[in-house]
Amino acid sequence: MSFAIIETGSKQYKVSAGDKIKVEKLDAEAGANLSLDKVLLIADGEDVKIGTPYLEKAKVEAKVLSQGRHDKIIVFKYHSKTRYHKKNGHRQPFTELEIVSIK
């Protein structure tokens, strides 16, 4: 089984063909095809290729499934004995990808 380690949005993901992952928001419409070229490692059985830091001529083809936002998280700041409290909410945008192939 082959897999690759890619970098997008300053994060690294281990992906195989057919995987669905949620990454930091990318500028692409739903249904569009993307080519991710920041490939750090490709492993196919015993054959392992490691980049320094990226592999040249290696790319991962992906299809954009949807754009969305994660569930809301609550950011609450509090200092005791000083009547200080702040409540804030945050929803992080994401892009859902389906990995088509590793080249």
N, C-alpha and C. Protein backbone atom coordinates (compact mmCIF):
# COMPACT_ATOMS: atom_id res chain seq x y z
N MET A 1 0.85 -1.19 0.00
CA MET A 1 0.00 0.00 0.00
C MET A 1 0.88 1.24 0.00
N SER A 2 0.67 2.11 -0.95
CA SER A 2 1.50 3.30 -1.02
C SER A 2 0.83 4.46 -0.29
N PHE A 3 1.67 5.33 0.26
CA PHE A 3 1.18 6.53 0.92
C PHE A 3 2.19 7.63 0.70
N ALA A 4 1.76 8.85 1.00
CA ALA A 4 2.63 10.02 0.87
C ALA A 4 2.40 10.91 2.07
N ILE A 5 3.40 11.71 2.37
CA ILE A 5 3.26 12.74 3.39
C ILE A 5 3.36 14.08 2.67
N ILE A 6 2.29 14.87 2.78
CA ILE A 6 2.24 16.16 2.09
C ILE A 6 2.18 17.28 3.12
N GLU A 7 2.49 18.48 2.66
CA GLU A 7 2.40 19.66 3.52
C GLU A 7 1.49 20.67 2.86
N THR A 8 0.50 21.14 3.60
CA THR A 8 -0.37 22.20 3.14
C THR A 8 -0.89 22.95 4.36
N GLY A 9 -0.92 24.26 4.27
CA GLY A 9 -1.37 25.06 5.40
C GLY A 9 -0.46 24.95 6.60
N SER A 10 0.85 24.76 6.38
CA SER A 10 1.85 24.61 7.44
C SER A 10 1.61 23.38 8.33
N LYS A 11 0.87 22.41 7.81
CA LYS A 11 0.63 21.17 8.53
C LYS A 11 0.96 20.01 7.60
N GLN A 12 1.29 18.86 8.19
CA GLN A 12 1.64 17.69 7.41
C GLN A 12 0.57 16.62 7.56
N TYR A 13 0.28 15.93 6.45
CA TYR A 13 -0.77 14.92 6.43
C TYR A 13 -0.24 13.66 5.75
N LYS A 14 -0.57 12.49 6.32
CA LYS A 14 -0.26 11.21 5.70
C LYS A 14 -1.49 10.80 4.89
N VAL A 15 -1.31 10.64 3.57
CA VAL A 15 -2.45 10.37 2.70
C VAL A 15 -2.18 9.16 1.81
N SER A 16 -3.25 8.49 1.44
CA SER A 16 -3.24 7.40 0.45
C SER A 16 -4.33 7.71 -0.55
N ALA A 17 -4.32 7.03 -1.68
CA ALA A 17 -5.36 7.22 -2.68
C ALA A 17 -6.70 6.83 -2.09
N GLY A 18 -7.71 7.69 -2.27
CA GLY A 18 -9.04 7.43 -1.74
C GLY A 18 -9.32 8.06 -0.40
N ASP A 19 -8.30 8.60 0.28
CA ASP A 19 -8.51 9.24 1.59
C ASP A 19 -9.26 10.56 1.44
N LYS A 20 -10.02 10.90 2.47
CA LYS A 20 -10.69 12.19 2.56
C LYS A 20 -10.10 12.92 3.76
N ILE A 21 -9.59 14.13 3.54
CA ILE A 21 -8.96 14.90 4.62
C ILE A 21 -9.52 16.32 4.63
N LYS A 22 -9.47 16.94 5.80
CA LYS A 22 -9.85 18.34 5.94
C LYS A 22 -8.58 19.13 6.21
N VAL A 23 -8.29 20.11 5.33
CA VAL A 23 -7.08 20.91 5.44
C VAL A 23 -7.47 22.37 5.62
N GLU A 24 -6.47 23.20 5.91
CA GLU A 24 -6.72 24.64 6.01
C GLU A 24 -7.32 25.14 4.70
N LYS A 25 -8.13 26.19 4.76
CA LYS A 25 -8.87 26.68 3.61
C LYS A 25 -7.96 26.98 2.42
N LEU A 26 -8.34 26.42 1.26
CA LEU A 26 -7.65 26.66 0.00
C LEU A 26 -8.60 27.39 -0.95
N ASP A 27 -8.04 28.22 -1.81
CA ASP A 27 -8.86 28.95 -2.78
C ASP A 27 -9.17 28.04 -3.96
N ALA A 28 -10.26 27.30 -3.89
CA ALA A 28 -10.68 26.41 -4.96
C ALA A 28 -12.17 26.14 -4.81
N GLU A 29 -12.84 26.01 -5.93
CA GLU A 29 -14.26 25.72 -5.93
C GLU A 29 -14.50 24.23 -5.67
N ALA A 30 -15.67 23.90 -5.17
CA ALA A 30 -16.03 22.50 -4.96
C ALA A 30 -16.11 21.81 -6.32
N GLY A 31 -15.52 20.64 -6.43
CA GLY A 31 -15.49 19.90 -7.68
C GLY A 31 -14.23 20.11 -8.49
N ALA A 32 -13.42 21.09 -8.11
CA ALA A 32 -12.18 21.37 -8.85
C ALA A 32 -11.10 20.34 -8.49
N ASN A 33 -10.14 20.19 -9.38
CA ASN A 33 -9.00 19.31 -9.13
C ASN A 33 -7.79 20.13 -8.72
N LEU A 34 -7.05 19.65 -7.73
CA LEU A 34 -5.86 20.33 -7.24
C LEU A 34 -4.65 19.43 -7.41
N SER A 35 -3.49 20.06 -7.55
CA SER A 35 -2.24 19.32 -7.58
C SER A 35 -1.39 19.84 -6.43
N LEU A 36 -1.16 19.01 -5.42
CA LEU A 36 -0.36 19.38 -4.26
C LEU A 36 1.07 18.96 -4.52
N ASP A 37 1.99 19.92 -4.59
CA ASP A 37 3.37 19.60 -4.98
C ASP A 37 4.36 19.63 -3.82
N LYS A 38 3.92 19.95 -2.62
CA LYS A 38 4.81 19.91 -1.46
C LYS A 38 4.75 18.51 -0.85
N VAL A 39 5.44 17.59 -1.51
CA VAL A 39 5.44 16.18 -1.08
C VAL A 39 6.75 15.92 -0.34
N LEU A 40 6.65 15.50 0.90
CA LEU A 40 7.83 15.25 1.73
C LEU A 40 8.35 13.82 1.60
N LEU A 41 7.44 12.87 1.41
CA LEU A 41 7.83 11.45 1.39
C LEU A 41 6.82 10.67 0.58
N ILE A 42 7.32 9.70 -0.17
CA ILE A 42 6.46 8.74 -0.85
C ILE A 42 6.98 7.34 -0.52
N ALA A 43 6.08 6.48 -0.04
CA ALA A 43 6.45 5.10 0.30
C ALA A 43 5.53 4.16 -0.47
N ASP A 44 6.16 3.21 -1.18
CA ASP A 44 5.41 2.21 -1.92
C ASP A 44 6.02 0.86 -1.59
N GLY A 45 5.51 0.23 -0.54
CA GLY A 45 6.08 -1.03 -0.08
C GLY A 45 7.47 -0.79 0.51
N GLU A 46 8.49 -1.44 -0.05
CA GLU A 46 9.87 -1.27 0.42
C GLU A 46 10.56 -0.07 -0.22
N ASP A 47 9.96 0.50 -1.27
CA ASP A 47 10.55 1.64 -1.98
C ASP A 47 10.12 2.94 -1.30
N VAL A 48 11.05 3.61 -0.64
CA VAL A 48 10.76 4.85 0.09
C VAL A 48 11.62 5.97 -0.48
N LYS A 49 10.96 7.08 -0.83
CA LYS A 49 11.68 8.26 -1.33
C LYS A 49 11.44 9.40 -0.36
N ILE A 50 12.53 10.01 0.10
CA ILE A 50 12.46 11.09 1.08
C ILE A 50 13.02 12.35 0.45
N GLY A 51 12.30 13.47 0.59
CA GLY A 51 12.74 14.74 0.02
C GLY A 51 13.60 15.53 0.98
N THR A 52 14.29 16.53 0.41
CA THR A 52 15.16 17.40 1.22
C THR A 52 14.88 18.87 0.91
N PRO A 53 13.87 19.53 1.35
CA PRO A 53 12.76 19.01 2.14
C PRO A 53 11.64 18.42 1.28
N TYR A 54 11.54 18.78 -0.02
CA TYR A 54 10.46 18.28 -0.86
C TYR A 54 11.02 17.41 -1.98
N LEU A 55 10.20 16.50 -2.45
CA LEU A 55 10.56 15.67 -3.60
C LEU A 55 10.27 16.44 -4.88
N GLU A 56 11.23 16.46 -5.78
CA GLU A 56 11.01 17.09 -7.08
C GLU A 56 10.22 16.15 -7.97
N LYS A 57 9.42 16.69 -8.83
CA LYS A 57 8.60 15.94 -9.80
C LYS A 57 7.62 14.99 -9.13
N ALA A 58 7.31 15.21 -7.88
CA ALA A 58 6.31 14.39 -7.19
C ALA A 58 5.11 15.27 -6.87
N LYS A 59 3.93 14.73 -7.06
CA LYS A 59 2.74 15.50 -6.72
C LYS A 59 1.61 14.56 -6.34
N VAL A 60 0.68 15.11 -5.61
CA VAL A 60 -0.50 14.38 -5.18
C VAL A 60 -1.71 15.07 -5.80
N GLU A 61 -2.48 14.31 -6.56
CA GLU A 61 -3.68 14.85 -7.19
C GLU A 61 -4.85 14.70 -6.22
N ALA A 62 -5.63 15.78 -6.06
CA ALA A 62 -6.76 15.76 -5.13
C ALA A 62 -7.95 16.46 -5.76
N LYS A 63 -9.14 16.09 -5.30
CA LYS A 63 -10.38 16.70 -5.76
C LYS A 63 -11.03 17.41 -4.58
N VAL A 64 -11.47 18.65 -4.80
CA VAL A 64 -12.10 19.42 -3.74
C VAL A 64 -13.55 18.95 -3.60
N LEU A 65 -13.89 18.45 -2.42
CA LEU A 65 -15.26 17.99 -2.17
C LEU A 65 -16.15 19.12 -1.68
N SER A 66 -15.64 19.93 -0.72
CA SER A 66 -16.47 21.00 -0.18
C SER A 66 -15.61 22.01 0.56
N GLN A 67 -16.20 23.17 0.77
CA GLN A 67 -15.63 24.20 1.64
C GLN A 67 -16.56 24.28 2.85
N GLY A 68 -16.02 24.48 4.03
CA GLY A 68 -16.88 24.53 5.21
C GLY A 68 -16.19 25.18 6.38
N ARG A 69 -16.86 25.11 7.53
CA ARG A 69 -16.29 25.64 8.76
C ARG A 69 -16.50 24.61 9.86
N HIS A 70 -15.49 24.45 10.72
CA HIS A 70 -15.56 23.51 11.83
C HIS A 70 -16.57 23.99 12.86
N ASP A 71 -16.83 23.15 13.86
CA ASP A 71 -17.73 23.53 14.95
C ASP A 71 -17.13 24.69 15.74
N LYS A 72 -18.01 25.45 16.37
CA LYS A 72 -17.56 26.61 17.15
C LYS A 72 -16.84 26.16 18.41
N ILE A 73 -15.72 26.82 18.70
CA ILE A 73 -15.04 26.61 19.98
C ILE A 73 -15.18 27.89 20.79
N ILE A 74 -15.21 27.75 22.09
CA ILE A 74 -15.35 28.89 23.00
C ILE A 74 -13.97 29.25 23.54
N VAL A 75 -13.60 30.52 23.40
CA VAL A 75 -12.35 31.04 23.96
C VAL A 75 -12.75 31.90 25.15
N PHE A 76 -12.41 31.44 26.36
CA PHE A 76 -12.81 32.16 27.56
C PHE A 76 -11.57 32.56 28.35
N LYS A 77 -11.42 33.87 28.57
CA LYS A 77 -10.29 34.39 29.34
C LYS A 77 -10.81 34.90 30.67
N TYR A 78 -10.08 34.59 31.75
CA TYR A 78 -10.57 34.92 33.09
C TYR A 78 -9.39 35.17 34.01
N HIS A 79 -9.45 36.26 34.74
CA HIS A 79 -8.49 36.54 35.80
C HIS A 79 -9.26 36.60 37.11
N SER A 80 -8.85 35.81 38.08
CA SER A 80 -9.58 35.79 39.34
C SER A 80 -9.33 37.07 40.13
N LYS A 81 -10.31 37.47 40.89
CA LYS A 81 -10.25 38.60 41.82
C LYS A 81 -10.08 39.95 41.15
N THR A 82 -10.25 40.05 39.83
CA THR A 82 -10.11 41.35 39.16
C THR A 82 -11.30 41.71 38.30
N ARG A 83 -12.38 40.94 38.35
CA ARG A 83 -13.59 41.16 37.56
C ARG A 83 -13.29 41.19 36.06
N TYR A 84 -12.37 40.36 35.65
CA TYR A 84 -11.99 40.31 34.24
C TYR A 84 -12.43 38.98 33.65
N HIS A 85 -13.27 39.04 32.65
CA HIS A 85 -13.60 37.85 31.88
C HIS A 85 -14.02 38.27 30.47
N LYS A 86 -13.59 37.49 29.50
CA LYS A 86 -13.94 37.73 28.10
C LYS A 86 -14.34 36.40 27.49
N LYS A 87 -15.43 36.41 26.75
CA LYS A 87 -15.90 35.20 26.08
C LYS A 87 -15.94 35.49 24.59
N ASN A 88 -15.35 34.58 23.82
CA ASN A 88 -15.28 34.77 22.39
C ASN A 88 -15.48 33.40 21.73
N GLY A 89 -16.01 33.39 20.53
CA GLY A 89 -16.19 32.15 19.78
C GLY A 89 -15.37 32.19 18.50
N HIS A 90 -15.05 31.01 17.97
CA HIS A 90 -14.25 30.94 16.74
C HIS A 90 -14.66 29.71 15.94
N ARG A 91 -14.80 29.88 14.61
CA ARG A 91 -15.05 28.76 13.69
C ARG A 91 -13.99 28.82 12.61
N GLN A 92 -13.17 27.80 12.53
CA GLN A 92 -12.06 27.76 11.57
C GLN A 92 -12.55 27.23 10.22
N PRO A 93 -12.29 27.95 9.13
CA PRO A 93 -12.69 27.45 7.81
C PRO A 93 -11.77 26.31 7.35
N PHE A 94 -12.33 25.37 6.56
CA PHE A 94 -11.55 24.24 6.05
C PHE A 94 -11.97 23.92 4.63
N THR A 95 -11.13 23.14 3.95
CA THR A 95 -11.42 22.58 2.64
C THR A 95 -11.33 21.07 2.78
N GLU A 96 -12.36 20.37 2.31
CA GLU A 96 -12.34 18.91 2.36
C GLU A 96 -11.85 18.39 1.01
N LEU A 97 -10.81 17.55 1.05
CA LEU A 97 -10.20 17.01 -0.17
C LEU A 97 -10.35 15.49 -0.20
N GLU A 98 -10.44 14.96 -1.41
CA GLU A 98 -10.35 13.52 -1.62
C GLU A 98 -9.11 13.27 -2.46
N ILE A 99 -8.22 12.42 -1.97
CA ILE A 99 -6.97 12.13 -2.68
C ILE A 99 -7.27 11.18 -3.83
N VAL A 100 -6.92 11.61 -5.05
CA VAL A 100 -7.18 10.80 -6.24
C VAL A 100 -6.01 9.89 -6.55
N SER A 101 -4.79 10.46 -6.61
CA SER A 101 -3.63 9.64 -6.94
C SER A 101 -2.35 10.27 -6.41
N ILE A 102 -1.31 9.44 -6.30
CA ILE A 102 0.01 9.87 -5.87
C ILE A 102 0.97 9.59 -7.02
N LYS A 103 1.65 10.65 -7.49
CA LYS A 103 2.56 10.49 -8.63
C LYS A 103 3.95 10.91 -8.25
